[in-house]
Amino acid sequence: TPPPQQVATKFAPYPWRITRSSMTNAAKESLKRLQQPKLSIAQLHWSTANYQPFQERALWEGIADVYDAGLCDAIGVSNYGPNQLQKIA
């Protein structure tokens, strides 16, 4: 029997994805497209601190909501530098 499939995805902080609920909605839509019941890892694709700092907090809270809703097993970030990581630690 093959091992269970591990599916990870990144959520880009597009201008229309600026609220907490938009992250949860994006995860649900991604699961539909991937035809998966749950993601192994959901990641924020990059930080918006340099060009839309007001959006950053909503994205962090939104990715946590994806986890809290049971849509993924783990959350993470991609393309974050040390300064951005310290802000969310």
PDB file of N, CA and C in Angstrom:
ATOM      1  N   THR A   1       0.848  -1.184   0.000  1.00  0.00           N
ATOM      2  CA  THR A   1       0.000   0.000   0.000  1.00  0.00           C
ATOM      3  C   THR A   1       0.890   1.242   0.000  1.00  0.00           C
ATOM      4  N   PRO A   2       0.648   2.167  -0.918  1.00  0.00           N
ATOM      5  CA  PRO A   2       1.465   3.395  -0.921  1.00  0.00           C
ATOM      6  C   PRO A   2       1.190   4.241   0.319  1.00  0.00           C
ATOM      7  N   PRO A   3       2.195   4.988   0.763  1.00  0.00           N
ATOM      8  CA  PRO A   3       1.973   5.861   1.927  1.00  0.00           C
ATOM      9  C   PRO A   3       0.973   6.949   1.587  1.00  0.00           C
ATOM     10  N   PRO A   4       0.317   7.516   2.591  1.00  0.00           N
ATOM     11  CA  PRO A   4      -0.642   8.597   2.330  1.00  0.00           C
ATOM     12  C   PRO A   4       0.052   9.789   1.668  1.00  0.00           C
ATOM     13  N   GLN A   5      -0.673  10.428   0.825  1.00  0.00           N
ATOM     14  CA  GLN A   5      -0.161  11.589   0.099  1.00  0.00           C
ATOM     15  C   GLN A   5      -0.015  12.782   1.038  1.00  0.00           C
ATOM     16  N   GLN A   6       1.100  13.483   0.940  1.00  0.00           N
ATOM     17  CA  GLN A   6       1.336  14.701   1.709  1.00  0.00           C
ATOM     18  C   GLN A   6       1.189  15.893   0.756  1.00  0.00           C
ATOM     19  N   VAL A   7       0.272  16.793   1.047  1.00  0.00           N
ATOM     20  CA  VAL A   7       0.028  17.937   0.171  1.00  0.00           C
ATOM     21  C   VAL A   7       0.275  19.221   0.950  1.00  0.00           C
ATOM     22  N   ALA A   8       1.166  20.051   0.399  1.00  0.00           N
ATOM     23  CA  ALA A   8       1.440  21.363   0.978  1.00  0.00           C
ATOM     24  C   ALA A   8       1.071  22.415  -0.053  1.00  0.00           C
ATOM     25  N   THR A   9       0.668  23.572   0.413  1.00  0.00           N
ATOM     26  CA  THR A   9       0.370  24.666  -0.514  1.00  0.00           C
ATOM     27  C   THR A   9       0.782  25.988   0.118  1.00  0.00           C
ATOM     28  N   LYS A  10       1.021  26.967  -0.748  1.00  0.00           N
ATOM     29  CA  LYS A  10       1.362  28.316  -0.298  1.00  0.00           C
ATOM     30  C   LYS A  10       0.225  29.249  -0.687  1.00  0.00           C
ATOM     31  N   PHE A  11      -0.071  30.191   0.190  1.00  0.00           N
ATOM     32  CA  PHE A  11      -1.098  31.189  -0.078  1.00  0.00           C
ATOM     33  C   PHE A  11      -0.419  32.529  -0.292  1.00  0.00           C
ATOM     34  N   ALA A  12      -0.567  33.046  -1.494  1.00  0.00           N
ATOM     35  CA  ALA A  12       0.031  34.341  -1.825  1.00  0.00           C
ATOM     36  C   ALA A  12      -0.818  35.466  -1.250  1.00  0.00           C
ATOM     37  N   PRO A  13      -0.180  36.493  -0.737  1.00  0.00           N
ATOM     38  CA  PRO A  13      -0.916  37.631  -0.176  1.00  0.00           C
ATOM     39  C   PRO A  13      -1.348  38.617  -1.254  1.00  0.00           C
ATOM     40  N   TYR A  14      -2.278  38.205  -2.062  1.00  0.00           N
ATOM     41  CA  TYR A  14      -2.790  39.068  -3.121  1.00  0.00           C
ATOM     42  C   TYR A  14      -3.577  40.230  -2.518  1.00  0.00           C
ATOM     43  N   PRO A  15      -3.747  41.309  -3.263  1.00  0.00           N
ATOM     44  CA  PRO A  15      -4.487  42.470  -2.734  1.00  0.00           C
ATOM     45  C   PRO A  15      -5.907  42.139  -2.282  1.00  0.00           C
ATOM     46  N   TRP A  16      -6.539  41.157  -2.871  1.00  0.00           N
ATOM     47  CA  TRP A  16      -7.899  40.792  -2.467  1.00  0.00           C
ATOM     48  C   TRP A  16      -7.899  39.810  -1.296  1.00  0.00           C
ATOM     49  N   ARG A  17      -6.734  39.394  -0.847  1.00  0.00           N
ATOM     50  CA  ARG A  17      -6.635  38.470   0.278  1.00  0.00           C
ATOM     51  C   ARG A  17      -6.042  39.229   1.462  1.00  0.00           C
ATOM     52  N   ILE A  18      -6.851  40.081   2.070  1.00  0.00           N
ATOM     53  CA  ILE A  18      -6.329  40.945   3.137  1.00  0.00           C
ATOM     54  C   ILE A  18      -7.041  40.747   4.468  1.00  0.00           C
ATOM     55  N   THR A  19      -7.985  39.837   4.521  1.00  0.00           N
ATOM     56  CA  THR A  19      -8.697  39.601   5.781  1.00  0.00           C
ATOM     57  C   THR A  19      -8.398  38.185   6.280  1.00  0.00           C
ATOM     58  N   ARG A  20      -8.650  37.987   7.541  1.00  0.00           N
ATOM     59  CA  ARG A  20      -8.466  36.647   8.115  1.00  0.00           C
ATOM     60  C   ARG A  20      -9.310  35.624   7.381  1.00  0.00           C
ATOM     61  N   SER A  21     -10.561  35.941   7.142  1.00  0.00           N
ATOM     62  CA  SER A  21     -11.466  34.979   6.516  1.00  0.00           C
ATOM     63  C   SER A  21     -11.072  34.670   5.074  1.00  0.00           C
ATOM     64  N   SER A  22     -10.388  35.596   4.416  1.00  0.00           N
ATOM     65  CA  SER A  22      -9.966  35.319   3.038  1.00  0.00           C
ATOM     66  C   SER A  22      -8.934  34.193   2.996  1.00  0.00           C
ATOM     67  N   MET A  23      -8.146  34.043   4.051  1.00  0.00           N
ATOM     68  CA  MET A  23      -7.181  32.936   4.107  1.00  0.00           C
ATOM     69  C   MET A  23      -7.910  31.606   4.249  1.00  0.00           C
ATOM     70  N   THR A  24      -8.904  31.559   5.113  1.00  0.00           N
ATOM     71  CA  THR A  24      -9.688  30.332   5.291  1.00  0.00           C
ATOM     72  C   THR A  24     -10.424  29.982   4.002  1.00  0.00           C
ATOM     73  N   ASN A  25     -11.005  30.981   3.365  1.00  0.00           N
ATOM     74  CA  ASN A  25     -11.693  30.739   2.096  1.00  0.00           C
ATOM     75  C   ASN A  25     -10.730  30.218   1.040  1.00  0.00           C
ATOM     76  N   ALA A  26      -9.529  30.785   0.986  1.00  0.00           N
ATOM     77  CA  ALA A  26      -8.531  30.331   0.019  1.00  0.00           C
ATOM     78  C   ALA A  26      -8.145  28.877   0.278  1.00  0.00           C
ATOM     79  N   ALA A  27      -8.016  28.501   1.545  1.00  0.00           N
ATOM     80  CA  ALA A  27      -7.678  27.116   1.883  1.00  0.00           C
ATOM     81  C   ALA A  27      -8.790  26.154   1.458  1.00  0.00           C
ATOM     82  N   LYS A  28     -10.018  26.534   1.710  1.00  0.00           N
ATOM     83  CA  LYS A  28     -11.146  25.687   1.311  1.00  0.00           C
ATOM     84  C   LYS A  28     -11.195  25.510  -0.203  1.00  0.00           C
ATOM     85  N   GLU A  29     -10.979  26.588  -0.942  1.00  0.00           N
ATOM     86  CA  GLU A  29     -10.981  26.512  -2.405  1.00  0.00           C
ATOM     87  C   GLU A  29      -9.814  25.676  -2.915  1.00  0.00           C
ATOM     88  N   SER A  30      -8.674  25.800  -2.270  1.00  0.00           N
ATOM     89  CA  SER A  30      -7.512  25.009  -2.651  1.00  0.00           C
ATOM     90  C   SER A  30      -7.776  23.518  -2.433  1.00  0.00           C
ATOM     91  N   LEU A  31      -8.390  23.193  -1.317  1.00  0.00           N
ATOM     92  CA  LEU A  31      -8.726  21.790  -1.047  1.00  0.00           C
ATOM     93  C   LEU A  31      -9.672  21.230  -2.107  1.00  0.00           C
ATOM     94  N   LYS A  32     -10.620  22.039  -2.532  1.00  0.00           N
ATOM     95  CA  LYS A  32     -11.534  21.597  -3.598  1.00  0.00           C
ATOM     96  C   LYS A  32     -10.771  21.306  -4.885  1.00  0.00           C
ATOM     97  N   ARG A  33      -9.894  22.252  -5.277  1.00  0.00           N
ATOM     98  CA  ARG A  33      -9.134  22.072  -6.519  1.00  0.00           C
ATOM     99  C   ARG A  33      -8.211  20.858  -6.438  1.00  0.00           C
ATOM    100  N   LEU A  34      -7.601  20.665  -5.276  1.00  0.00           N
ATOM    101  CA  LEU A  34      -6.679  19.545  -5.088  1.00  0.00           C
ATOM    102  C   LEU A  34      -7.400  18.223  -4.826  1.00  0.00           C
ATOM    103  N   GLN A  35      -8.698  18.295  -4.584  1.00  0.00           N
ATOM    104  CA  GLN A  35      -9.508  17.125  -4.254  1.00  0.00           C
ATOM    105  C   GLN A  35      -8.917  16.375  -3.051  1.00  0.00           C
ATOM    106  N   GLN A  36      -8.638  17.161  -2.019  1.00  0.00           N
ATOM    107  CA  GLN A  36      -8.065  16.628  -0.786  1.00  0.00           C
ATOM    108  C   GLN A  36      -8.947  17.020   0.396  1.00  0.00           C
ATOM    109  N   PRO A  37      -9.008  16.174   1.410  1.00  0.00           N
ATOM    110  CA  PRO A  37      -9.798  16.530   2.588  1.00  0.00           C
ATOM    111  C   PRO A  37      -9.079  17.501   3.525  1.00  0.00           C
ATOM    112  N   LYS A  38      -7.725  17.486   3.457  1.00  0.00           N
ATOM    113  CA  LYS A  38      -6.935  18.280   4.387  1.00  0.00           C
ATOM    114  C   LYS A  38      -5.544  18.500   3.797  1.00  0.00           C
ATOM    115  N   LEU A  39      -4.960  19.651   4.092  1.00  0.00           N
ATOM    116  CA  LEU A  39      -3.590  19.934   3.680  1.00  0.00           C
ATOM    117  C   LEU A  39      -2.622  19.442   4.747  1.00  0.00           C
ATOM    118  N   SER A  40      -1.458  18.987   4.327  1.00  0.00           N
ATOM    119  CA  SER A  40      -0.427  18.639   5.300  1.00  0.00           C
ATOM    120  C   SER A  40       0.179  19.914   5.881  1.00  0.00           C
ATOM    121  N   ILE A  41       0.511  20.851   4.997  1.00  0.00           N
ATOM    122  CA  ILE A  41       1.090  22.130   5.419  1.00  0.00           C
ATOM    123  C   ILE A  41       0.459  23.262   4.616  1.00  0.00           C
ATOM    124  N   ALA A  42       0.046  24.307   5.297  1.00  0.00           N
ATOM    125  CA  ALA A  42      -0.430  25.537   4.660  1.00  0.00           C
ATOM    126  C   ALA A  42       0.581  26.623   4.999  1.00  0.00           C
ATOM    127  N   GLN A  43       1.066  27.323   3.976  1.00  0.00           N
ATOM    128  CA  GLN A  43       2.110  28.318   4.183  1.00  0.00           C
ATOM    129  C   GLN A  43       1.714  29.686   3.639  1.00  0.00           C
ATOM    130  N   LEU A  44       2.181  30.726   4.303  1.00  0.00           N
ATOM    131  CA  LEU A  44       2.119  32.064   3.734  1.00  0.00           C
ATOM    132  C   LEU A  44       3.283  32.165   2.752  1.00  0.00           C
ATOM    133  N   HIS A  45       3.024  32.585   1.529  1.00  0.00           N
ATOM    134  CA  HIS A  45       4.029  32.556   0.479  1.00  0.00           C
ATOM    135  C   HIS A  45       5.147  33.571   0.687  1.00  0.00           C
ATOM    136  N   TRP A  46       4.800  34.792   1.107  1.00  0.00           N
ATOM    137  CA  TRP A  46       5.806  35.809   1.374  1.00  0.00           C
ATOM    138  C   TRP A  46       5.224  36.857   2.306  1.00  0.00           C
ATOM    139  N   SER A  47       6.110  37.621   2.897  1.00  0.00           N
ATOM    140  CA  SER A  47       5.718  38.694   3.810  1.00  0.00           C
ATOM    141  C   SER A  47       5.291  39.928   3.023  1.00  0.00           C
ATOM    142  N   THR A  48       4.340  40.652   3.563  1.00  0.00           N
ATOM    143  CA  THR A  48       3.923  41.924   2.957  1.00  0.00           C
ATOM    144  C   THR A  48       4.461  43.121   3.742  1.00  0.00           C
ATOM    145  N   ALA A  49       5.362  42.877   4.670  1.00  0.00           N
ATOM    146  CA  ALA A  49       5.849  43.935   5.563  1.00  0.00           C
ATOM    147  C   ALA A  49       6.456  45.119   4.823  1.00  0.00           C
ATOM    148  N   ASN A  50       7.059  44.886   3.683  1.00  0.00           N
ATOM    149  CA  ASN A  50       7.738  45.976   2.966  1.00  0.00           C
ATOM    150  C   ASN A  50       6.819  46.799   2.078  1.00  0.00           C
ATOM    151  N   TYR A  51       5.661  46.268   1.711  1.00  0.00           N
ATOM    152  CA  TYR A  51       4.799  47.029   0.802  1.00  0.00           C
ATOM    153  C   TYR A  51       3.355  47.157   1.259  1.00  0.00           C
ATOM    154  N   GLN A  52       2.885  46.325   2.138  1.00  0.00           N
ATOM    155  CA  GLN A  52       1.544  46.464   2.718  1.00  0.00           C
ATOM    156  C   GLN A  52       1.583  45.986   4.172  1.00  0.00           C
ATOM    157  N   PRO A  53       2.273  46.708   5.031  1.00  0.00           N
ATOM    158  CA  PRO A  53       2.441  46.235   6.407  1.00  0.00           C
ATOM    159  C   PRO A  53       1.129  46.044   7.163  1.00  0.00           C
ATOM    160  N   PHE A  54       0.093  46.810   6.814  1.00  0.00           N
ATOM    161  CA  PHE A  54      -1.196  46.661   7.504  1.00  0.00           C
ATOM    162  C   PHE A  54      -1.811  45.287   7.254  1.00  0.00           C
ATOM    163  N   GLN A  55      -1.429  44.646   6.183  1.00  0.00           N
ATOM    164  CA  GLN A  55      -1.999  43.351   5.804  1.00  0.00           C
ATOM    165  C   GLN A  55      -1.373  42.188   6.588  1.00  0.00           C
ATOM    166  N   GLU A  56      -0.186  42.380   7.093  1.00  0.00           N
ATOM    167  CA  GLU A  56       0.591  41.289   7.696  1.00  0.00           C
ATOM    168  C   GLU A  56      -0.144  40.597   8.857  1.00  0.00           C
ATOM    169  N   ARG A  57      -0.655  41.341   9.790  1.00  0.00           N
ATOM    170  CA  ARG A  57      -1.321  40.760  10.965  1.00  0.00           C
ATOM    171  C   ARG A  57      -2.517  39.903  10.553  1.00  0.00           C
ATOM    172  N   ALA A  58      -3.314  40.384   9.623  1.00  0.00           N
ATOM    173  CA  ALA A  58      -4.476  39.613   9.156  1.00  0.00           C
ATOM    174  C   ALA A  58      -4.038  38.301   8.509  1.00  0.00           C
ATOM    175  N   LEU A  59      -2.940  38.329   7.788  1.00  0.00           N
ATOM    176  CA  LEU A  59      -2.444  37.101   7.165  1.00  0.00           C
ATOM    177  C   LEU A  59      -1.990  36.090   8.214  1.00  0.00           C
ATOM    178  N   TRP A  60      -1.262  36.559   9.218  1.00  0.00           N
ATOM    179  CA  TRP A  60      -0.807  35.654  10.280  1.00  0.00           C
ATOM    180  C   TRP A  60      -1.997  35.038  11.006  1.00  0.00           C
ATOM    181  N   GLU A  61      -2.960  35.888  11.351  1.00  0.00           N
ATOM    182  CA  GLU A  61      -4.149  35.385  12.051  1.00  0.00           C
ATOM    183  C   GLU A  61      -4.956  34.466  11.135  1.00  0.00           C
ATOM    184  N   GLY A  62      -5.001  34.801   9.856  1.00  0.00           N
ATOM    185  CA  GLY A  62      -5.743  33.980   8.902  1.00  0.00           C
ATOM    186  C   GLY A  62      -5.154  32.597   8.720  1.00  0.00           C
ATOM    187  N   ILE A  63      -3.824  32.499   8.645  1.00  0.00           N
ATOM    188  CA  ILE A  63      -3.209  31.176   8.487  1.00  0.00           C
ATOM    189  C   ILE A  63      -3.398  30.356   9.768  1.00  0.00           C
ATOM    190  N   ALA A  64      -3.406  31.024  10.917  1.00  0.00           N
ATOM    191  CA  ALA A  64      -3.706  30.321  12.174  1.00  0.00           C
ATOM    192  C   ALA A  64      -5.151  29.829  12.171  1.00  0.00           C
ATOM    193  N   ASP A  65      -6.062  30.614  11.606  1.00  0.00           N
ATOM    194  CA  ASP A  65      -7.465  30.191  11.502  1.00  0.00           C
ATOM    195  C   ASP A  65      -7.609  28.960  10.610  1.00  0.00           C
ATOM    196  N   VAL A  66      -6.790  28.874   9.552  1.00  0.00           N
ATOM    197  CA  VAL A  66      -6.808  27.691   8.681  1.00  0.00           C
ATOM    198  C   VAL A  66      -6.478  26.448   9.507  1.00  0.00           C
ATOM    199  N   TYR A  67      -5.474  26.563  10.358  1.00  0.00           N
ATOM    200  CA  TYR A  67      -5.098  25.451  11.238  1.00  0.00           C
ATOM    201  C   TYR A  67      -6.206  25.162  12.255  1.00  0.00           C
ATOM    202  N   ASP A  68      -6.701  26.201  12.894  1.00  0.00           N
ATOM    203  CA  ASP A  68      -7.743  26.032  13.918  1.00  0.00           C
ATOM    204  C   ASP A  68      -9.021  25.426  13.345  1.00  0.00           C
ATOM    205  N   ALA A  69      -9.284  25.675  12.066  1.00  0.00           N
ATOM    206  CA  ALA A  69     -10.475  25.110  11.412  1.00  0.00           C
ATOM    207  C   ALA A  69     -10.272  23.660  10.998  1.00  0.00           C
ATOM    208  N   GLY A  70      -9.068  23.137  11.223  1.00  0.00           N
ATOM    209  CA  GLY A  70      -8.804  21.744  10.877  1.00  0.00           C
ATOM    210  C   GLY A  70      -8.576  21.511   9.387  1.00  0.00           C
ATOM    211  N   LEU A  71      -8.231  22.572   8.667  1.00  0.00           N
ATOM    212  CA  LEU A  71      -8.021  22.451   7.220  1.00  0.00           C
ATOM    213  C   LEU A  71      -6.597  22.006   6.873  1.00  0.00           C
ATOM    214  N   CYS A  72      -5.698  22.009   7.866  1.00  0.00           N
ATOM    215  CA  CYS A  72      -4.319  21.578   7.642  1.00  0.00           C
ATOM    216  C   CYS A  72      -3.762  20.983   8.936  1.00  0.00           C
ATOM    217  N   ASP A  73      -2.682  20.218   8.769  1.00  0.00           N
ATOM    218  CA  ASP A  73      -2.013  19.620   9.924  1.00  0.00           C
ATOM    219  C   ASP A  73      -0.962  20.545  10.524  1.00  0.00           C
ATOM    220  N   ALA A  74      -0.420  21.441   9.708  1.00  0.00           N
ATOM    221  CA  ALA A  74       0.632  22.352  10.173  1.00  0.00           C
ATOM    222  C   ALA A  74       0.600  23.618   9.325  1.00  0.00           C
ATOM    223  N   ILE A  75       1.149  24.691   9.884  1.00  0.00           N
ATOM    224  CA  ILE A  75       1.258  25.947   9.138  1.00  0.00           C
ATOM    225  C   ILE A  75       2.715  26.376   9.122  1.00  0.00           C
ATOM    226  N   GLY A  76       3.045  27.225   8.149  1.00  0.00           N
ATOM    227  CA  GLY A  76       4.404  27.710   8.037  1.00  0.00           C
ATOM    228  C   GLY A  76       4.460  28.951   7.178  1.00  0.00           C
ATOM    229  N   VAL A  77       5.682  29.415   6.941  1.00  0.00           N
ATOM    230  CA  VAL A  77       5.909  30.567   6.079  1.00  0.00           C
ATOM    231  C   VAL A  77       6.995  30.214   5.078  1.00  0.00           C
ATOM    232  N   SER A  78       7.005  30.935   3.981  1.00  0.00           N
ATOM    233  CA  SER A  78       8.008  30.777   2.936  1.00  0.00           C
ATOM    234  C   SER A  78       8.504  32.164   2.561  1.00  0.00           C
ATOM    235  N   ASN A  79       9.773  32.277   2.261  1.00  0.00           N
ATOM    236  CA  ASN A  79      10.343  33.556   1.822  1.00  0.00           C
ATOM    237  C   ASN A  79      10.231  34.645   2.882  1.00  0.00           C
ATOM    238  N   TYR A  80      10.330  34.276   4.136  1.00  0.00           N
ATOM    239  CA  TYR A  80      10.367  35.236   5.239  1.00  0.00           C
ATOM    240  C   TYR A  80      11.809  35.334   5.723  1.00  0.00           C
ATOM    241  N   GLY A  81      12.266  36.538   5.955  1.00  0.00           N
ATOM    242  CA  GLY A  81      13.593  36.739   6.511  1.00  0.00           C
ATOM    243  C   GLY A  81      13.546  36.759   8.025  1.00  0.00           C
ATOM    244  N   PRO A  82      14.713  36.900   8.659  1.00  0.00           N
ATOM    245  CA  PRO A  82      14.771  36.882  10.119  1.00  0.00           C
ATOM    246  C   PRO A  82      13.926  37.966  10.775  1.00  0.00           C
ATOM    247  N   ASN A  83      13.878  39.161  10.187  1.00  0.00           N
ATOM    248  CA  ASN A  83      13.082  40.243  10.788  1.00  0.00           C
ATOM    249  C   ASN A  83      11.607  39.905  10.796  1.00  0.00           C
ATOM    250  N   GLN A  84      11.101  39.356   9.678  1.00  0.00           N
ATOM    251  CA  GLN A  84       9.681  38.986   9.617  1.00  0.00           C
ATOM    252  C   GLN A  84       9.382  37.836  10.574  1.00  0.00           C
ATOM    253  N   LEU A  85      10.296  36.886  10.685  1.00  0.00           N
ATOM    254  CA  LEU A  85      10.082  35.755  11.591  1.00  0.00           C
ATOM    255  C   LEU A  85      10.044  36.195  13.044  1.00  0.00           C
ATOM    256  N   GLN A  86      10.866  37.144  13.410  1.00  0.00           N
ATOM    257  CA  GLN A  86      10.867  37.633  14.789  1.00  0.00           C
ATOM    258  C   GLN A  86       9.549  38.329  15.132  1.00  0.00           C
ATOM    259  N   LYS A  87       8.934  38.962  14.141  1.00  0.00           N
ATOM    260  CA  LYS A  87       7.663  39.648  14.386  1.00  0.00           C
ATOM    261  C   LYS A  87       6.536  38.682  14.695  1.00  0.00           C
ATOM    262  N   ILE A  88       6.584  37.484  14.136  1.00  0.00           N
ATOM    263  CA  ILE A  88       5.485  36.538  14.370  1.00  0.00           C
ATOM    264  C   ILE A  88       5.808  35.501  15.430  1.00  0.00           C
ATOM    265  N   ALA A  89       7.027  35.504  15.918  1.00  0.00           N
ATOM    266  CA  ALA A  89       7.434  34.524  16.949  1.00  0.00           C
ATOM    267  C   ALA A  89       6.775  34.840  18.274  1.00  0.00           C
TER     268      ALA A  89
END
